[in-house]
Amino acid sequence: MMKLMATTLVETERHIIDADVSAQMTAVLLKGKGEYIIAIDDKEAFSVSQQMMMLRIIGSQLLLYDGQQLHVYTVEGACTQSVNVGQHVRHMEPMKDNVVVTYTDQGVYD
């Protein structure tokens, strides 16, 4: 049986762009002044480009999507890999050590 519960991921005055929760951590993409900020477990960890629009946790790493590329970051803020996945990404779903990327059908006709 599934049990629903509400919890606060992060308390901030900043605008929340995206967030994700795993057994290992909570990660939030926040809008700062002139930059976006990644908060991990309610502490600001590092800044990223304002082009980032989606955040997911996979294992002990973070996936960030900028509208064209998927970037893999360590929790310390080092980008370890970037992969061109194209535009119109709708969801990124972590699956063990991989990620499934789904698209809107709008991208098929561009």
Protein backbone atom coordinates (compact mmCIF):
# COMPACT_ATOMS: atom_id res chain seq x y z
CA MET A 1 0.00 0.00 0.00
CA MET A 2 1.32 3.42 -0.95
CA LYS A 3 1.43 6.10 1.72
CA LEU A 4 1.48 9.76 0.68
CA MET A 5 3.24 12.31 2.82
CA ALA A 6 4.28 15.93 2.46
CA THR A 7 7.72 17.23 3.33
CA THR A 8 9.75 20.39 2.75
CA LEU A 9 12.65 19.84 0.36
CA VAL A 10 14.32 23.18 0.92
CA GLU A 11 13.42 26.45 2.58
CA THR A 12 14.49 29.32 0.36
CA GLU A 13 13.52 32.74 -0.86
CA ARG A 14 14.81 31.78 -4.31
CA HIS A 15 12.62 30.54 -7.16
CA ILE A 16 12.75 26.73 -7.51
CA ILE A 17 13.33 25.60 -11.11
CA ASP A 18 13.32 21.83 -10.50
CA ALA A 19 14.00 19.30 -7.74
CA ASP A 20 14.55 15.59 -7.19
CA VAL A 21 14.74 13.26 -4.19
CA SER A 22 16.51 9.93 -3.81
CA ALA A 23 17.47 7.70 -0.90
CA GLN A 24 20.94 9.33 -0.97
CA MET A 25 20.05 13.02 -1.24
CA THR A 26 17.69 15.85 -2.07
CA ALA A 27 18.78 18.14 -4.93
CA VAL A 28 17.15 21.42 -5.94
CA LEU A 29 17.85 23.72 -8.90
CA LEU A 30 17.37 27.32 -7.71
CA LYS A 31 17.32 30.63 -9.56
CA GLY A 32 19.99 33.00 -8.26
CA LYS A 33 21.05 36.44 -9.45
CA GLY A 34 22.87 35.89 -12.74
CA GLU A 35 23.27 32.15 -12.09
CA TYR A 36 21.40 29.03 -11.09
CA ILE A 37 22.38 27.27 -7.89
CA ILE A 38 22.30 23.59 -6.99
CA ALA A 39 21.30 22.94 -3.38
CA ILE A 40 21.99 19.48 -1.99
CA ASP A 41 20.34 18.45 1.27
CA ASP A 42 19.25 22.04 1.93
CA LYS A 43 22.77 23.52 1.44
CA GLU A 44 23.86 25.54 -1.58
CA ALA A 45 26.55 23.40 -3.23
CA PHE A 46 27.58 24.98 -6.57
CA SER A 47 26.37 27.18 -9.41
CA VAL A 48 25.51 26.23 -12.99
CA SER A 49 24.48 27.96 -16.21
CA GLN A 50 21.10 29.67 -16.37
CA GLN A 51 20.33 27.46 -19.37
CA MET A 52 19.72 24.46 -17.08
CA MET A 53 16.04 23.56 -16.87
CA MET A 54 15.78 20.02 -15.53
CA LEU A 55 17.53 18.17 -12.69
CA ARG A 56 17.58 14.46 -11.79
CA ILE A 57 19.60 12.37 -9.36
CA ILE A 58 21.16 9.15 -10.61
CA GLY A 59 23.11 7.26 -7.98
CA SER A 60 25.51 9.73 -6.39
CA GLN A 61 25.54 12.06 -9.42
CA LEU A 62 23.30 14.80 -10.79
CA LEU A 63 21.92 15.05 -14.32
CA LEU A 64 21.19 18.53 -15.66
CA TYR A 65 19.51 19.30 -18.99
CA ASP A 66 20.07 22.65 -20.73
CA GLY A 67 17.65 22.36 -23.66
CA GLN A 68 20.15 20.54 -25.89
CA GLN A 69 22.63 18.57 -23.80
CA LEU A 70 22.46 16.31 -20.76
CA HIS A 71 25.29 17.05 -18.31
CA VAL A 72 26.51 14.72 -15.56
CA TYR A 73 27.79 16.48 -12.42
CA THR A 74 29.37 15.26 -9.22
CA VAL A 75 27.90 16.59 -5.98
CA GLU A 76 31.03 18.74 -5.71
CA GLY A 77 30.09 20.54 -8.94
CA ALA A 78 32.46 18.96 -11.48
CA CYS A 79 30.91 18.23 -14.89
CA THR A 80 32.16 14.75 -15.83
CA GLN A 81 30.26 14.18 -19.07
CA SER A 82 28.01 15.97 -21.57
CA VAL A 83 25.85 14.23 -24.16
CA ASN A 84 23.81 15.85 -26.93
CA VAL A 85 20.26 14.55 -26.48
CA GLY A 86 18.51 17.23 -28.55
CA GLN A 87 15.58 19.50 -27.90
CA HIS A 88 12.06 18.86 -26.60
CA VAL A 89 13.02 16.53 -23.74
CA ARG A 90 9.90 15.93 -21.67
CA HIS A 91 11.20 13.66 -18.89
CA MET A 92 14.44 12.16 -17.64
CA GLU A 93 13.86 8.99 -15.62
CA PRO A 94 16.81 7.47 -13.72
CA MET A 95 16.97 3.67 -14.00
CA LYS A 96 19.79 2.18 -11.87
CA ASP A 97 22.98 3.53 -13.52
CA ASN A 98 21.23 4.76 -16.68
CA VAL A 99 18.67 7.38 -17.60
CA VAL A 100 15.69 7.13 -19.93
CA VAL A 101 15.02 10.34 -21.86
CA THR A 102 11.56 10.84 -23.36
CA TYR A 103 10.57 13.53 -25.82
CA THR A 104 7.49 15.48 -26.83
CA ASP A 105 6.32 14.70 -30.35
CA GLN A 106 6.96 18.32 -31.29
CA GLY A 107 10.66 17.47 -31.75
CA VAL A 108 9.90 14.99 -34.51
CA TYR A 109 8.72 17.73 -36.88
CA ASP A 110 11.33 20.44 -36.25
